[in-house]
Amino acid sequence: LPPGANGTGNSTTIDMNGFNNLSFFGNSTNTSDNILVQVSYNGSTWFVDPEHFVNFHYSTGDFAITIADAGARYWRLTQTDTTTTAFTFQINSSTK
């Protein structure tokens, strides 16, 4: 996702219906701003999940998180640029 300067990049929404575990991993060229986990009950209204922290390597931009026993129905990652620099946010996901 190339959100651009002052933009927000969001992963694809993951529907956890029928799954218990979720992993996100990838890379961001924005190494200044945190990546947040968001949850939703309907796939359109999103809330930051403070219980889950994305392990983000600020020197390389690589990140990963595994969420066991995911209770919410919909999940995604989000990152907002606060440095006025365009960035690329590459996100992969896996469910089990």
Protein backbone atom coordinates (compact mmCIF):
# COMPACT_ATOMS: atom_id res chain seq x y z
CA LEU A 1 0.00 0.00 0.00
CA PRO A 2 1.50 3.37 -0.93
CA PRO A 3 -0.48 5.76 1.33
CA GLY A 4 1.65 8.82 0.64
CA ALA A 5 2.69 11.64 2.94
CA ASN A 6 0.43 12.15 5.97
CA GLY A 7 -1.57 9.13 4.78
CA THR A 8 -2.77 6.00 6.54
CA GLY A 9 -2.10 2.50 5.28
CA ASN A 10 -4.45 -0.32 6.30
CA SER A 11 -4.10 -4.03 5.72
CA THR A 12 -6.87 -6.02 4.11
CA THR A 13 -9.61 -6.84 6.60
CA ILE A 14 -9.22 -10.38 7.95
CA ASP A 15 -12.49 -12.19 8.78
CA MET A 16 -11.72 -14.63 11.59
CA ASN A 17 -14.98 -16.57 11.26
CA GLY A 18 -13.93 -20.24 11.60
CA PHE A 19 -10.34 -19.42 12.64
CA ASN A 20 -8.65 -18.98 16.02
CA ASN A 21 -5.13 -17.77 15.26
CA LEU A 22 -3.85 -14.91 13.11
CA SER A 23 -0.41 -13.70 12.03
CA PHE A 24 0.55 -10.48 10.29
CA PHE A 25 4.05 -9.86 8.92
CA GLY A 26 5.69 -7.59 6.37
CA ASN A 27 7.63 -4.38 5.92
CA SER A 28 7.08 -0.63 6.10
CA THR A 29 9.36 2.09 4.79
CA ASN A 30 7.90 4.33 7.51
CA THR A 31 10.26 3.49 10.35
CA SER A 32 9.15 6.42 12.52
CA ASP A 33 5.54 5.55 13.35
CA ASN A 34 4.09 2.57 15.21
CA ILE A 35 1.93 -0.05 13.55
CA LEU A 36 -1.35 -0.58 15.38
CA VAL A 37 -3.68 -3.57 15.59
CA GLN A 38 -7.36 -2.75 15.04
CA VAL A 39 -10.47 -4.87 15.66
CA SER A 40 -14.06 -4.55 14.49
CA TYR A 41 -17.42 -6.20 15.07
CA ASN A 42 -18.76 -5.28 11.61
CA GLY A 43 -15.73 -4.70 9.36
CA SER A 44 -16.30 -0.96 9.04
CA THR A 45 -16.09 0.54 12.55
CA TRP A 46 -12.54 0.06 13.86
CA PHE A 47 -11.04 0.21 17.35
CA VAL A 48 -7.36 0.12 18.36
CA ASP A 49 -6.55 -3.07 20.26
CA PRO A 50 -4.11 -2.04 23.03
CA GLU A 51 -3.64 -5.68 24.11
CA HIS A 52 -1.59 -6.56 21.04
CA PHE A 53 1.74 -4.95 20.19
CA VAL A 54 3.33 -5.23 16.74
CA ASN A 55 7.01 -6.18 16.98
CA PHE A 56 8.51 -3.57 14.66
CA HIS A 57 12.21 -3.35 13.78
CA TYR A 58 12.74 0.36 13.26
CA SER A 59 16.10 -0.13 11.54
CA THR A 60 14.76 -2.43 8.78
CA GLY A 61 11.00 -1.78 8.78
CA ASP A 62 10.22 -5.49 9.23
CA PHE A 63 7.36 -6.38 11.56
CA ALA A 64 5.41 -9.39 12.80
CA ILE A 65 2.68 -10.28 15.27
CA THR A 66 0.88 -13.52 16.07
CA ILE A 67 -2.51 -13.38 17.78
CA ALA A 68 -3.68 -16.59 19.47
CA ASP A 69 -7.35 -17.13 20.28
CA ALA A 70 -8.47 -14.05 18.36
CA GLY A 71 -11.78 -13.06 19.93
CA ALA A 72 -12.87 -10.30 17.56
CA ARG A 73 -14.46 -11.12 14.22
CA TYR A 74 -12.50 -8.66 12.03
CA TRP A 75 -8.83 -7.65 12.31
CA ARG A 76 -6.42 -5.38 10.45
CA LEU A 77 -3.17 -3.44 10.88
CA THR A 78 -2.88 0.29 10.36
CA GLN A 79 -0.04 2.80 10.20
CA THR A 80 -0.37 6.57 9.87
CA ASP A 81 2.49 8.77 8.67
CA THR A 82 3.29 11.69 10.98
CA THR A 83 6.54 12.71 9.27
CA THR A 84 5.05 14.08 5.99
CA THR A 85 7.01 11.47 4.03
CA ALA A 86 5.37 9.04 1.60
CA PHE A 87 5.78 5.39 2.62
CA THR A 88 5.07 1.86 1.47
CA PHE A 89 3.30 -0.62 3.77
CA GLN A 90 3.56 -4.27 2.67
CA ILE A 91 1.41 -6.62 4.76
CA ASN A 92 0.96 -10.40 4.65
CA SER A 93 -1.39 -12.42 6.82
CA SER A 94 -2.10 -16.02 7.71
CA THR A 95 -5.01 -17.61 9.59
CA LYS A 96 -5.32 -20.99 11.23
